[in-house]
Amino acid sequence: MEITVGMKHTVERVVTPDLCTKHTNPDAPGILSTPSMIGVMEGACAAAVAPALEPGVTTVGTAVNIRHLAATVEGQTITCEAELIEVDRRRLTFSVVVTNDKGVKIGEGTHERFVFVPKK
């Protein structure tokens, strides 16, 4: 299998306490934190191309350009859709969108990953 523009992956996650702002600040509300949302986005992007990688090869995140648009409370489900929109040798650019279970877009942007081939 080859890495090609258009590869997609969708991830659904329940917003659990460890993904919330109160995980790092006990006084904060129980809402999805921006770093956690970005982590879900990165995971979806990595999973989109994983089937096309040779054994031992992986991708690593190199850039994020993300907007967190709306709060999502603990217990809600989020859905992240990642699509590969550009391939430049080993640099991969993805479009990512996250919505909550009410259909509200809560995050969007682009994420770049680099195909990492370990030296033998």
PDB file of N, CA and C in Angstrom:
ATOM      1  N   MET A   1       0.849  -1.185   0.000  1.00  0.00           N
ATOM      2  CA  MET A   1       0.000   0.000   0.000  1.00  0.00           C
ATOM      3  C   MET A   1       0.890   1.241   0.000  1.00  0.00           C
ATOM      4  N   GLU A   2       0.435   2.264  -0.646  1.00  0.00           N
ATOM      5  CA  GLU A   2       1.182   3.512  -0.778  1.00  0.00           C
ATOM      6  C   GLU A   2       0.470   4.637  -0.036  1.00  0.00           C
ATOM      7  N   ILE A   3       1.232   5.579   0.511  1.00  0.00           N
ATOM      8  CA  ILE A   3       0.645   6.759   1.146  1.00  0.00           C
ATOM      9  C   ILE A   3       0.157   7.686   0.044  1.00  0.00           C
ATOM     10  N   THR A   4      -1.142   7.995   0.056  1.00  0.00           N
ATOM     11  CA  THR A   4      -1.714   8.832  -0.997  1.00  0.00           C
ATOM     12  C   THR A   4      -2.663   9.876  -0.406  1.00  0.00           C
ATOM     13  N   VAL A   5      -2.731  11.012  -1.082  1.00  0.00           N
ATOM     14  CA  VAL A   5      -3.689  12.055  -0.709  1.00  0.00           C
ATOM     15  C   VAL A   5      -5.082  11.431  -0.689  1.00  0.00           C
ATOM     16  N   GLY A   6      -5.856  11.821   0.307  1.00  0.00           N
ATOM     17  CA  GLY A   6      -7.212  11.316   0.428  1.00  0.00           C
ATOM     18  C   GLY A   6      -7.376  10.244   1.488  1.00  0.00           C
ATOM     19  N   MET A   7      -6.262   9.714   2.012  1.00  0.00           N
ATOM     20  CA  MET A   7      -6.374   8.725   3.083  1.00  0.00           C
ATOM     21  C   MET A   7      -7.048   9.380   4.281  1.00  0.00           C
ATOM     22  N   LYS A   8      -7.965   8.633   4.941  1.00  0.00           N
ATOM     23  CA  LYS A   8      -8.756   9.199   6.034  1.00  0.00           C
ATOM     24  C   LYS A   8      -8.809   8.243   7.216  1.00  0.00           C
ATOM     25  N   HIS A   9      -9.103   8.840   8.367  1.00  0.00           N
ATOM     26  CA  HIS A   9      -9.371   8.042   9.565  1.00  0.00           C
ATOM     27  C   HIS A   9     -10.260   8.865  10.492  1.00  0.00           C
ATOM     28  N   THR A  10     -11.183   8.172  11.150  1.00  0.00           N
ATOM     29  CA  THR A  10     -12.092   8.812  12.103  1.00  0.00           C
ATOM     30  C   THR A  10     -11.931   8.153  13.459  1.00  0.00           C
ATOM     31  N   VAL A  11     -11.866   8.977  14.499  1.00  0.00           N
ATOM     32  CA  VAL A  11     -11.735   8.503  15.874  1.00  0.00           C
ATOM     33  C   VAL A  11     -12.868   9.082  16.698  1.00  0.00           C
ATOM     34  N   GLU A  12     -13.490   8.251  17.518  1.00  0.00           N
ATOM     35  CA  GLU A  12     -14.473   8.724  18.495  1.00  0.00           C
ATOM     36  C   GLU A  12     -13.905   8.493  19.882  1.00  0.00           C
ATOM     37  N   ARG A  13     -14.062   9.492  20.747  1.00  0.00           N
ATOM     38  CA  ARG A  13     -13.580   9.390  22.134  1.00  0.00           C
ATOM     39  C   ARG A  13     -14.600  10.027  23.059  1.00  0.00           C
ATOM     40  N   VAL A  14     -14.776   9.407  24.206  1.00  0.00           N
ATOM     41  CA  VAL A  14     -15.559  10.019  25.264  1.00  0.00           C
ATOM     42  C   VAL A  14     -14.623  10.939  26.036  1.00  0.00           C
ATOM     43  N   VAL A  15     -15.084  12.137  26.353  1.00  0.00           N
ATOM     44  CA  VAL A  15     -14.271  13.080  27.122  1.00  0.00           C
ATOM     45  C   VAL A  15     -14.271  12.607  28.578  1.00  0.00           C
ATOM     46  N   THR A  16     -13.160  12.033  28.977  1.00  0.00           N
ATOM     47  CA  THR A  16     -12.971  11.503  30.324  1.00  0.00           C
ATOM     48  C   THR A  16     -12.190  12.526  31.155  1.00  0.00           C
ATOM     49  N   PRO A  17     -12.183  12.370  32.481  1.00  0.00           N
ATOM     50  CA  PRO A  17     -11.499  13.352  33.329  1.00  0.00           C
ATOM     51  C   PRO A  17     -10.040  13.607  32.954  1.00  0.00           C
ATOM     52  N   ASP A  18      -9.336  12.565  32.495  1.00  0.00           N
ATOM     53  CA  ASP A  18      -7.929  12.751  32.135  1.00  0.00           C
ATOM     54  C   ASP A  18      -7.734  13.614  30.890  1.00  0.00           C
ATOM     55  N   LEU A  19      -8.793  13.849  30.123  1.00  0.00           N
ATOM     56  CA  LEU A  19      -8.717  14.716  28.938  1.00  0.00           C
ATOM     57  C   LEU A  19      -9.159  16.149  29.233  1.00  0.00           C
ATOM     58  N   CYS A  20      -9.578  16.386  30.469  1.00  0.00           N
ATOM     59  CA  CYS A  20     -10.150  17.692  30.826  1.00  0.00           C
ATOM     60  C   CYS A  20      -9.124  18.647  31.432  1.00  0.00           C
ATOM     61  N   THR A  21      -9.485  19.913  31.407  1.00  0.00           N
ATOM     62  CA  THR A  21      -8.618  20.944  31.971  1.00  0.00           C
ATOM     63  C   THR A  21      -8.383  20.722  33.455  1.00  0.00           C
ATOM     64  N   LYS A  22      -9.341  20.127  34.157  1.00  0.00           N
ATOM     65  CA  LYS A  22      -9.166  19.909  35.595  1.00  0.00           C
ATOM     66  C   LYS A  22      -8.130  18.833  35.899  1.00  0.00           C
ATOM     67  N   HIS A  23      -7.705  18.097  34.889  1.00  0.00           N
ATOM     68  CA  HIS A  23      -6.660  17.086  35.091  1.00  0.00           C
ATOM     69  C   HIS A  23      -5.343  17.751  35.516  1.00  0.00           C
ATOM     70  N   THR A  24      -5.072  18.915  34.972  1.00  0.00           N
ATOM     71  CA  THR A  24      -3.842  19.630  35.317  1.00  0.00           C
ATOM     72  C   THR A  24      -4.084  20.786  36.268  1.00  0.00           C
ATOM     73  N   ASN A  25      -5.349  21.189  36.417  1.00  0.00           N
ATOM     74  CA  ASN A  25      -5.698  22.285  37.319  1.00  0.00           C
ATOM     75  C   ASN A  25      -7.012  21.923  38.013  1.00  0.00           C
ATOM     76  N   PRO A  26      -6.942  21.451  39.256  1.00  0.00           N
ATOM     77  CA  PRO A  26      -8.153  20.980  39.950  1.00  0.00           C
ATOM     78  C   PRO A  26      -9.265  22.020  40.055  1.00  0.00           C
ATOM     79  N   ASP A  27      -8.937  23.301  39.943  1.00  0.00           N
ATOM     80  CA  ASP A  27      -9.945  24.353  40.021  1.00  0.00           C
ATOM     81  C   ASP A  27     -10.603  24.651  38.671  1.00  0.00           C
ATOM     82  N   ALA A  28     -10.091  24.062  37.610  1.00  0.00           N
ATOM     83  CA  ALA A  28     -10.628  24.319  36.269  1.00  0.00           C
ATOM     84  C   ALA A  28     -11.909  23.498  36.057  1.00  0.00           C
ATOM     85  N   PRO A  29     -12.727  23.919  35.114  1.00  0.00           N
ATOM     86  CA  PRO A  29     -13.959  23.168  34.830  1.00  0.00           C
ATOM     87  C   PRO A  29     -13.653  21.850  34.114  1.00  0.00           C
ATOM     88  N   GLY A  30     -14.615  20.943  34.142  1.00  0.00           N
ATOM     89  CA  GLY A  30     -14.457  19.652  33.476  1.00  0.00           C
ATOM     90  C   GLY A  30     -14.765  19.737  32.002  1.00  0.00           C
ATOM     91  N   ILE A  31     -13.894  20.430  31.257  1.00  0.00           N
ATOM     92  CA  ILE A  31     -14.066  20.549  29.813  1.00  0.00           C
ATOM     93  C   ILE A  31     -12.817  20.038  29.108  1.00  0.00           C
ATOM     94  N   LEU A  32     -12.997  19.602  27.882  1.00  0.00           N
ATOM     95  CA  LEU A  32     -11.898  19.077  27.077  1.00  0.00           C
ATOM     96  C   LEU A  32     -10.805  20.124  26.938  1.00  0.00           C
ATOM     97  N   SER A  33      -9.569  19.743  27.261  1.00  0.00           N
ATOM     98  CA  SER A  33      -8.457  20.684  27.139  1.00  0.00           C
ATOM     99  C   SER A  33      -7.963  20.722  25.691  1.00  0.00           C
ATOM    100  N   THR A  34      -7.379  21.841  25.327  1.00  0.00           N
ATOM    101  CA  THR A  34      -6.829  21.986  23.976  1.00  0.00           C
ATOM    102  C   THR A  34      -5.721  20.970  23.709  1.00  0.00           C
ATOM    103  N   PRO A  35      -4.753  20.767  24.635  1.00  0.00           N
ATOM    104  CA  PRO A  35      -3.726  19.749  24.366  1.00  0.00           C
ATOM    105  C   PRO A  35      -4.318  18.357  24.156  1.00  0.00           C
ATOM    106  N   SER A  36      -5.368  18.014  24.895  1.00  0.00           N
ATOM    107  CA  SER A  36      -5.990  16.699  24.712  1.00  0.00           C
ATOM    108  C   SER A  36      -6.667  16.595  23.349  1.00  0.00           C
ATOM    109  N   MET A  37      -7.336  17.666  22.926  1.00  0.00           N
ATOM    110  CA  MET A  37      -7.960  17.659  21.610  1.00  0.00           C
ATOM    111  C   MET A  37      -6.908  17.471  20.525  1.00  0.00           C
ATOM    112  N   ILE A  38      -5.798  18.171  20.657  1.00  0.00           N
ATOM    113  CA  ILE A  38      -4.720  18.042  19.682  1.00  0.00           C
ATOM    114  C   ILE A  38      -4.162  16.622  19.687  1.00  0.00           C
ATOM    115  N   GLY A  39      -4.066  16.016  20.864  1.00  0.00           N
ATOM    116  CA  GLY A  39      -3.594  14.633  20.939  1.00  0.00           C
ATOM    117  C   GLY A  39      -4.499  13.677  20.183  1.00  0.00           C
ATOM    118  N   VAL A  40      -5.806  13.874  20.290  1.00  0.00           N
ATOM    119  CA  VAL A  40      -6.757  13.042  19.550  1.00  0.00           C
ATOM    120  C   VAL A  40      -6.570  13.274  18.051  1.00  0.00           C
ATOM    121  N   MET A  41      -6.375  14.526  17.665  1.00  0.00           N
ATOM    122  CA  MET A  41      -6.150  14.852  16.256  1.00  0.00           C
ATOM    123  C   MET A  41      -4.890  14.159  15.725  1.00  0.00           C
ATOM    124  N   GLU A  42      -3.801  14.247  16.489  1.00  0.00           N
ATOM    125  CA  GLU A  42      -2.555  13.603  16.066  1.00  0.00           C
ATOM    126  C   GLU A  42      -2.730  12.103  15.905  1.00  0.00           C
ATOM    127  N   GLY A  43      -3.440  11.498  16.851  1.00  0.00           N
ATOM    128  CA  GLY A  43      -3.667  10.058  16.775  1.00  0.00           C
ATOM    129  C   GLY A  43      -4.453   9.657  15.545  1.00  0.00           C
ATOM    130  N   ALA A  44      -5.468  10.452  15.201  1.00  0.00           N
ATOM    131  CA  ALA A  44      -6.264  10.157  14.015  1.00  0.00           C
ATOM    132  C   ALA A  44      -5.428  10.274  12.751  1.00  0.00           C
ATOM    133  N   CYS A  45      -4.572  11.280  12.696  1.00  0.00           N
ATOM    134  CA  CYS A  45      -3.709  11.465  11.526  1.00  0.00           C
ATOM    135  C   CYS A  45      -2.726  10.300  11.388  1.00  0.00           C
ATOM    136  N   ALA A  46      -2.105   9.917  12.485  1.00  0.00           N
ATOM    137  CA  ALA A  46      -1.157   8.802  12.454  1.00  0.00           C
ATOM    138  C   ALA A  46      -1.850   7.523  11.998  1.00  0.00           C
ATOM    139  N   ALA A  47      -3.061   7.291  12.499  1.00  0.00           N
ATOM    140  CA  ALA A  47      -3.799   6.082  12.140  1.00  0.00           C
ATOM    141  C   ALA A  47      -4.216   6.074  10.671  1.00  0.00           C
ATOM    142  N   ALA A  48      -4.416   7.256  10.083  1.00  0.00           N
ATOM    143  CA  ALA A  48      -4.840   7.331   8.679  1.00  0.00           C
ATOM    144  C   ALA A  48      -3.824   6.708   7.739  1.00  0.00           C
ATOM    145  N   VAL A  49      -2.546   6.859   8.045  1.00  0.00           N
ATOM    146  CA  VAL A  49      -1.509   6.350   7.141  1.00  0.00           C
ATOM    147  C   VAL A  49      -0.812   5.095   7.653  1.00  0.00           C
ATOM    148  N   ALA A  50      -1.095   4.706   8.880  1.00  0.00           N
ATOM    149  CA  ALA A  50      -0.411   3.556   9.479  1.00  0.00           C
ATOM    150  C   ALA A  50      -0.474   2.290   8.621  1.00  0.00           C
ATOM    151  N   PRO A  51      -1.609   1.963   8.000  1.00  0.00           N
ATOM    152  CA  PRO A  51      -1.651   0.734   7.196  1.00  0.00           C
ATOM    153  C   PRO A  51      -0.697   0.748   5.995  1.00  0.00           C
ATOM    154  N   ALA A  52      -0.271   1.927   5.566  1.00  0.00           N
ATOM    155  CA  ALA A  52       0.601   2.040   4.399  1.00  0.00           C
ATOM    156  C   ALA A  52       2.084   2.006   4.756  1.00  0.00           C
ATOM    157  N   LEU A  53       2.407   1.988   6.039  1.00  0.00           N
ATOM    158  CA  LEU A  53       3.802   2.030   6.469  1.00  0.00           C
ATOM    159  C   LEU A  53       4.386   0.623   6.580  1.00  0.00           C
ATOM    160  N   GLU A  54       5.654   0.512   6.254  1.00  0.00           N
ATOM    161  CA  GLU A  54       6.351  -0.758   6.405  1.00  0.00           C
ATOM    162  C   GLU A  54       6.586  -1.028   7.886  1.00  0.00           C
ATOM    163  N   PRO A  55       6.743  -2.290   8.266  1.00  0.00           N
ATOM    164  CA  PRO A  55       7.016  -2.605   9.670  1.00  0.00           C
ATOM    165  C   PRO A  55       8.227  -1.836  10.200  1.00  0.00           C
ATOM    166  N   GLY A  56       8.094  -1.273  11.384  1.00  0.00           N
ATOM    167  CA  GLY A  56       9.176  -0.513  12.007  1.00  0.00           C
ATOM    168  C   GLY A  56       9.200   0.955  11.637  1.00  0.00           C
ATOM    169  N   VAL A  57       8.421   1.353  10.637  1.00  0.00           N
ATOM    170  CA  VAL A  57       8.351   2.749  10.200  1.00  0.00           C
ATOM    171  C   VAL A  57       7.148   3.388  10.888  1.00  0.00           C
ATOM    172  N   THR A  58       7.285   4.646  11.276  1.00  0.00           N
ATOM    173  CA  THR A  58       6.195   5.354  11.938  1.00  0.00           C
ATOM    174  C   THR A  58       6.142   6.787  11.435  1.00  0.00           C
ATOM    175  N   THR A  59       5.219   7.568  11.964  1.00  0.00           N
ATOM    176  CA  THR A  59       5.189   8.998  11.669  1.00  0.00           C
ATOM    177  C   THR A  59       5.303   9.753  12.983  1.00  0.00           C
ATOM    178  N   VAL A  60       5.871  10.930  12.907  1.00  0.00           N
ATOM    179  CA  VAL A  60       6.008  11.791  14.081  1.00  0.00           C
ATOM    180  C   VAL A  60       5.447  13.167  13.738  1.00  0.00           C
ATOM    181  N   GLY A  61       4.787  13.774  14.718  1.00  0.00           N
ATOM    182  CA  GLY A  61       4.209  15.099  14.512  1.00  0.00           C
ATOM    183  C   GLY A  61       5.297  16.155  14.450  1.00  0.00           C
ATOM    184  N   THR A  62       5.141  17.098  13.529  1.00  0.00           N
ATOM    185  CA  THR A  62       6.138  18.163  13.375  1.00  0.00           C
ATOM    186  C   THR A  62       5.531  19.565  13.436  1.00  0.00           C
ATOM    187  N   ALA A  63       4.213  19.685  13.228  1.00  0.00           N
ATOM    188  CA  ALA A  63       3.587  21.006  13.264  1.00  0.00           C
ATOM    189  C   ALA A  63       2.093  20.860  13.483  1.00  0.00           C
ATOM    190  N   VAL A  64       1.525  21.817  14.226  1.00  0.00           N
ATOM    191  CA  VAL A  64       0.070  21.884  14.386  1.00  0.00           C
ATOM    192  C   VAL A  64      -0.366  23.328  14.173  1.00  0.00           C
ATOM    193  N   ASN A  65      -1.474  23.485  13.477  1.00  0.00           N
ATOM    194  CA  ASN A  65      -2.100  24.791  13.289  1.00  0.00           C
ATOM    195  C   ASN A  65      -3.589  24.566  13.551  1.00  0.00           C
ATOM    196  N   ILE A  66      -3.949  24.669  14.821  1.00  0.00           N
ATOM    197  CA  ILE A  66      -5.262  24.236  15.285  1.00  0.00           C
ATOM    198  C   ILE A  66      -5.997  25.388  15.967  1.00  0.00           C
ATOM    199  N   ARG A  67      -7.316  25.424  15.772  1.00  0.00           N
ATOM    200  CA  ARG A  67      -8.179  26.363  16.511  1.00  0.00           C
ATOM    201  C   ARG A  67      -9.145  25.539  17.347  1.00  0.00           C
ATOM    202  N   HIS A  68      -9.223  25.844  18.629  1.00  0.00           N
ATOM    203  CA  HIS A  68     -10.196  25.214  19.526  1.00  0.00           C
ATOM    204  C   HIS A  68     -11.386  26.162  19.575  1.00  0.00           C
ATOM    205  N   LEU A  69     -12.519  25.751  19.018  1.00  0.00           N
ATOM    206  CA  LEU A  69     -13.632  26.650  18.746  1.00  0.00           C
ATOM    207  C   LEU A  69     -14.728  26.668  19.801  1.00  0.00           C
ATOM    208  N   ALA A  70     -14.895  25.564  20.530  1.00  0.00           N
ATOM    209  CA  ALA A  70     -16.005  25.491  21.486  1.00  0.00           C
ATOM    210  C   ALA A  70     -15.676  24.506  22.595  1.00  0.00           C
ATOM    211  N   ALA A  71     -16.260  24.752  23.759  1.00  0.00           N
ATOM    212  CA  ALA A  71     -16.056  23.874  24.907  1.00  0.00           C
ATOM    213  C   ALA A  71     -16.872  22.594  24.757  1.00  0.00           C
ATOM    214  N   THR A  72     -16.315  21.502  25.262  1.00  0.00           N
ATOM    215  CA  THR A  72     -17.011  20.219  25.302  1.00  0.00           C
ATOM    216  C   THR A  72     -16.847  19.655  26.704  1.00  0.00           C
ATOM    217  N   VAL A  73     -17.955  19.333  27.338  1.00  0.00           N
ATOM    218  CA  VAL A  73     -17.905  18.921  28.736  1.00  0.00           C
ATOM    219  C   VAL A  73     -17.606  17.431  28.882  1.00  0.00           C
ATOM    220  N   GLU A  74     -17.076  17.107  30.055  1.00  0.00           N
ATOM    221  CA  GLU A  74     -16.790  15.723  30.417  1.00  0.00           C
ATOM    222  C   GLU A  74     -18.044  14.873  30.209  1.00  0.00           C
ATOM    223  N   GLY A  75     -17.846  13.702  29.631  1.00  0.00           N
ATOM    224  CA  GLY A  75     -18.952  12.783  29.365  1.00  0.00           C
ATOM    225  C   GLY A  75     -19.454  12.825  27.936  1.00  0.00           C
ATOM    226  N   GLN A  76     -19.235  13.935  27.233  1.00  0.00           N
ATOM    227  CA  GLN A  76     -19.651  14.005  25.831  1.00  0.00           C
ATOM    228  C   GLN A  76     -18.706  13.172  24.977  1.00  0.00           C
ATOM    229  N   THR A  77     -19.172  12.812  23.802  1.00  0.00           N
ATOM    230  CA  THR A  77     -18.346  12.090  22.837  1.00  0.00           C
ATOM    231  C   THR A  77     -17.895  13.067  21.764  1.00  0.00           C
ATOM    232  N   ILE A  78     -16.624  12.965  21.390  1.00  0.00           N
ATOM    233  CA  ILE A  78     -16.104  13.775  20.287  1.00  0.00           C
ATOM    234  C   ILE A  78     -15.738  12.853  19.131  1.00  0.00           C
ATOM    235  N   THR A  79     -15.810  13.397  17.931  1.00  0.00           N
ATOM    236  CA  THR A  79     -15.429  12.671  16.727  1.00  0.00           C
ATOM    237  C   THR A  79     -14.403  13.498  15.985  1.00  0.00           C
ATOM    238  N   CYS A  80     -13.268  12.880  15.687  1.00  0.00           N
ATOM    239  CA  CYS A  80     -12.203  13.553  14.947  1.00  0.00           C
ATOM    240  C   CYS A  80     -12.064  12.904  13.587  1.00  0.00           C
ATOM    241  N   GLU A  81     -12.129  13.717  12.550  1.00  0.00           N
ATOM    242  CA  GLU A  81     -11.945  13.245  11.180  1.00  0.00           C
ATOM    243  C   GLU A  81     -10.651  13.838  10.628  1.00  0.00           C
ATOM    244  N   ALA A  82      -9.759  12.949  10.219  1.00  0.00           N
ATOM    245  CA  ALA A  82      -8.472  13.365   9.656  1.00  0.00           C
ATOM    246  C   ALA A  82      -8.389  12.921   8.204  1.00  0.00           C
ATOM    247  N   GLU A  83      -7.896  13.818   7.348  1.00  0.00           N
ATOM    248  CA  GLU A  83      -7.713  13.483   5.933  1.00  0.00           C
ATOM    249  C   GLU A  83      -6.363  13.986   5.464  1.00  0.00           C
ATOM    250  N   LEU A  84      -5.617  13.114   4.804  1.00  0.00           N
ATOM    251  CA  LEU A  84      -4.325  13.483   4.235  1.00  0.00           C
ATOM    252  C   LEU A  84      -4.568  14.352   3.005  1.00  0.00           C
ATOM    253  N   ILE A  85      -4.043  15.589   3.041  1.00  0.00           N
ATOM    254  CA  ILE A  85      -4.313  16.520   1.938  1.00  0.00           C
ATOM    255  C   ILE A  85      -3.078  16.852   1.107  1.00  0.00           C
ATOM    256  N   GLU A  86      -1.884  16.484   1.605  1.00  0.00           N
ATOM    257  CA  GLU A  86      -0.666  16.763   0.835  1.00  0.00           C
ATOM    258  C   GLU A  86       0.429  15.778   1.240  1.00  0.00           C
ATOM    259  N   VAL A  87       1.169  15.301   0.240  1.00  0.00           N
ATOM    260  CA  VAL A  87       2.331  14.452   0.463  1.00  0.00           C
ATOM    261  C   VAL A  87       3.509  15.103  -0.246  1.00  0.00           C
ATOM    262  N   ASP A  88       4.534  15.460   0.505  1.00  0.00           N
ATOM    263  CA  ASP A  88       5.749  16.046  -0.039  1.00  0.00           C
ATOM    264  C   ASP A  88       6.919  15.197   0.450  1.00  0.00           C
ATOM    265  N   ARG A  89       7.287  14.227  -0.339  1.00  0.00           N
ATOM    266  CA  ARG A  89       8.279  13.215   0.041  1.00  0.00           C
ATOM    267  C   ARG A  89       7.833  12.543   1.336  1.00  0.00           C
ATOM    268  N   ARG A  90       8.508  12.807   2.453  1.00  0.00           N
ATOM    269  CA  ARG A  90       8.134  12.176   3.725  1.00  0.00           C
ATOM    270  C   ARG A  90       7.316  13.113   4.626  1.00  0.00           C
ATOM    271  N   ARG A  91       7.030  14.328   4.160  1.00  0.00           N
ATOM    272  CA  ARG A  91       6.206  15.261   4.934  1.00  0.00           C
ATOM    273  C   ARG A  91       4.753  15.094   4.527  1.00  0.00           C
ATOM    274  N   LEU A  92       3.900  14.869   5.526  1.00  0.00           N
ATOM    275  CA  LEU A  92       2.480  14.632   5.293  1.00  0.00           C
ATOM    276  C   LEU A  92       1.675  15.741   5.953  1.00  0.00           C
ATOM    277  N   THR A  93       0.722  16.323   5.228  1.00  0.00           N
ATOM    278  CA  THR A  93      -0.143  17.367   5.786  1.00  0.00           C
ATOM    279  C   THR A  93      -1.578  16.860   5.809  1.00  0.00           C
ATOM    280  N   PHE A  94      -2.208  17.030   6.970  1.00  0.00           N
ATOM    281  CA  PHE A  94      -3.572  16.559   7.192  1.00  0.00           C
ATOM    282  C   PHE A  94      -4.500  17.723   7.499  1.00  0.00           C
ATOM    283  N   SER A  95      -5.741  17.581   7.084  1.00  0.00           N
ATOM    284  CA  SER A  95      -6.825  18.445   7.527  1.00  0.00           C
ATOM    285  C   SER A  95      -7.536  17.683   8.635  1.00  0.00           C
ATOM    286  N   VAL A  96      -7.832  18.370   9.751  1.00  0.00           N
ATOM    287  CA  VAL A  96      -8.509  17.713  10.867  1.00  0.00           C
ATOM    288  C   VAL A  96      -9.694  18.563  11.337  1.00  0.00           C
ATOM    289  N   VAL A  97     -10.780  17.881  11.674  1.00  0.00           N
ATOM    290  CA  VAL A  97     -11.978  18.527  12.200  1.00  0.00           C
ATOM    291  C   VAL A  97     -12.485  17.673  13.351  1.00  0.00           C
ATOM    292  N   VAL A  98     -12.833  18.333  14.464  1.00  0.00           N
ATOM    293  CA  VAL A  98     -13.410  17.636  15.611  1.00  0.00           C
ATOM    294  C   VAL A  98     -14.779  18.229  15.896  1.00  0.00           C
ATOM    295  N   THR A  99     -15.762  17.348  16.068  1.00  0.00           N
ATOM    296  CA  THR A  99     -17.112  17.760  16.440  1.00  0.00           C
ATOM    297  C   THR A  99     -17.509  17.046  17.728  1.00  0.00           C
ATOM    298  N   ASN A 100     -18.495  17.618  18.425  1.00  0.00           N
ATOM    299  CA  ASN A 100     -18.998  16.924  19.606  1.00  0.00           C
ATOM    300  C   ASN A 100     -20.297  16.206  19.249  1.00  0.00           C
ATOM    301  N   ASP A 101     -20.856  15.477  20.223  1.00  0.00           N
ATOM    302  CA  ASP A 101     -22.043  14.673  19.943  1.00  0.00           C
ATOM    303  C   ASP A 101     -23.310  15.493  19.737  1.00  0.00           C
ATOM    304  N   LYS A 102     -23.199  16.803  19.834  1.00  0.00           N
ATOM    305  CA  LYS A 102     -24.322  17.680  19.506  1.00  0.00           C
ATOM    306  C   LYS A 102     -24.179  18.230  18.081  1.00  0.00           C
ATOM    307  N   GLY A 103     -23.130  17.785  17.363  1.00  0.00           N
ATOM    308  CA  GLY A 103     -22.904  18.232  15.998  1.00  0.00           C
ATOM    309  C   GLY A 103     -22.181  19.554  15.887  1.00  0.00           C
ATOM    310  N   VAL A 104     -21.655  20.059  17.002  1.00  0.00           N
ATOM    311  CA  VAL A 104     -20.946  21.338  17.014  1.00  0.00           C
ATOM    312  C   VAL A 104     -19.477  21.113  16.670  1.00  0.00           C
ATOM    313  N   LYS A 105     -18.963  21.887  15.716  1.00  0.00           N
ATOM    314  CA  LYS A 105     -17.540  21.831  15.404  1.00  0.00           C
ATOM    315  C   LYS A 105     -16.778  22.469  16.560  1.00  0.00           C
ATOM    316  N   ILE A 106     -15.903  21.696  17.202  1.00  0.00           N
ATOM    317  CA  ILE A 106     -15.169  22.219  18.358  1.00  0.00           C
ATOM    318  C   ILE A 106     -13.700  22.479  18.061  1.00  0.00           C
ATOM    319  N   GLY A 107     -13.201  21.958  16.954  1.00  0.00           N
ATOM    320  CA  GLY A 107     -11.808  22.185  16.594  1.00  0.00           C
ATOM    321  C   GLY A 107     -11.575  21.911  15.126  1.00  0.00           C
ATOM    322  N   GLU A 108     -10.579  22.603  14.579  1.00  0.00           N
ATOM    323  CA  GLU A 108     -10.241  22.405  13.170  1.00  0.00           C
ATOM    324  C   GLU A 108      -8.832  22.921  12.926  1.00  0.00           C
ATOM    325  N   GLY A 109      -8.263  22.481  11.819  1.00  0.00           N
ATOM    326  CA  GLY A 109      -6.951  22.981  11.441  1.00  0.00           C
ATOM    327  C   GLY A 109      -6.183  21.981  10.605  1.00  0.00           C
ATOM    328  N   THR A 110      -4.861  22.162  10.631  1.00  0.00           N
ATOM    329  CA  THR A 110      -3.981  21.259   9.902  1.00  0.00           C
ATOM    330  C   THR A 110      -2.912  20.719  10.845  1.00  0.00           C
ATOM    331  N   HIS A 111      -2.411  19.570  10.464  1.00  0.00           N
ATOM    332  CA  HIS A 111      -1.366  18.920  11.242  1.00  0.00           C
ATOM    333  C   HIS A 111      -0.386  18.300  10.258  1.00  0.00           C
ATOM    334  N   GLU A 112       0.914  18.496  10.528  1.00  0.00           N
ATOM    335  CA  GLU A 112       1.950  17.883   9.697  1.00  0.00           C
ATOM    336  C   GLU A 112       2.632  16.769  10.470  1.00  0.00           C
ATOM    337  N   ARG A 113       2.912  15.698   9.747  1.00  0.00           N
ATOM    338  CA  ARG A 113       3.659  14.577  10.294  1.00  0.00           C
ATOM    339  C   ARG A 113       4.776  14.240   9.320  1.00  0.00           C
ATOM    340  N   PHE A 114       5.800  13.605   9.824  1.00  0.00           N
ATOM    341  CA  PHE A 114       6.950  13.226   9.012  1.00  0.00           C
ATOM    342  C   PHE A 114       7.133  11.725   9.133  1.00  0.00           C
ATOM    343  N   VAL A 115       7.319  11.045   8.017  1.00  0.00           N
ATOM    344  CA  VAL A 115       7.558   9.611   8.035  1.00  0.00           C
ATOM    345  C   VAL A 115       8.960   9.372   8.580  1.00  0.00           C
ATOM    346  N   PHE A 116       9.040   8.638   9.686  1.00  0.00           N
ATOM    347  CA  PHE A 116      10.306   8.361  10.359  1.00  0.00           C
ATOM    348  C   PHE A 116      10.726   6.935  10.084  1.00  0.00           C
ATOM    349  N   VAL A 117      11.883   6.807   9.436  1.00  0.00           N
ATOM    350  CA  VAL A 117      12.447   5.492   9.138  1.00  0.00           C
ATOM    351  C   VAL A 117      13.677   5.320  10.010  1.00  0.00           C
ATOM    352  N   PRO A 118      13.620   4.433  11.027  1.00  0.00           N
ATOM    353  CA  PRO A 118      14.785   4.268  11.909  1.00  0.00           C
ATOM    354  C   PRO A 118      15.987   3.719  11.152  1.00  0.00           C
ATOM    355  N   LYS A 119      17.160   4.171  11.568  1.00  0.00           N
ATOM    356  CA  LYS A 119      18.394   3.660  10.954  1.00  0.00           C
ATOM    357  C   LYS A 119      18.657   2.270  11.480  1.00  0.00           C
ATOM    358  N   LYS A 120      19.139   1.443  10.626  1.00  0.00           N
ATOM    359  CA  LYS A 120      19.432   0.055  11.038  1.00  0.00           C
ATOM    360  C   LYS A 120      20.871  -0.122  11.398  1.00  0.00           C
TER     361      LYS A 120
END
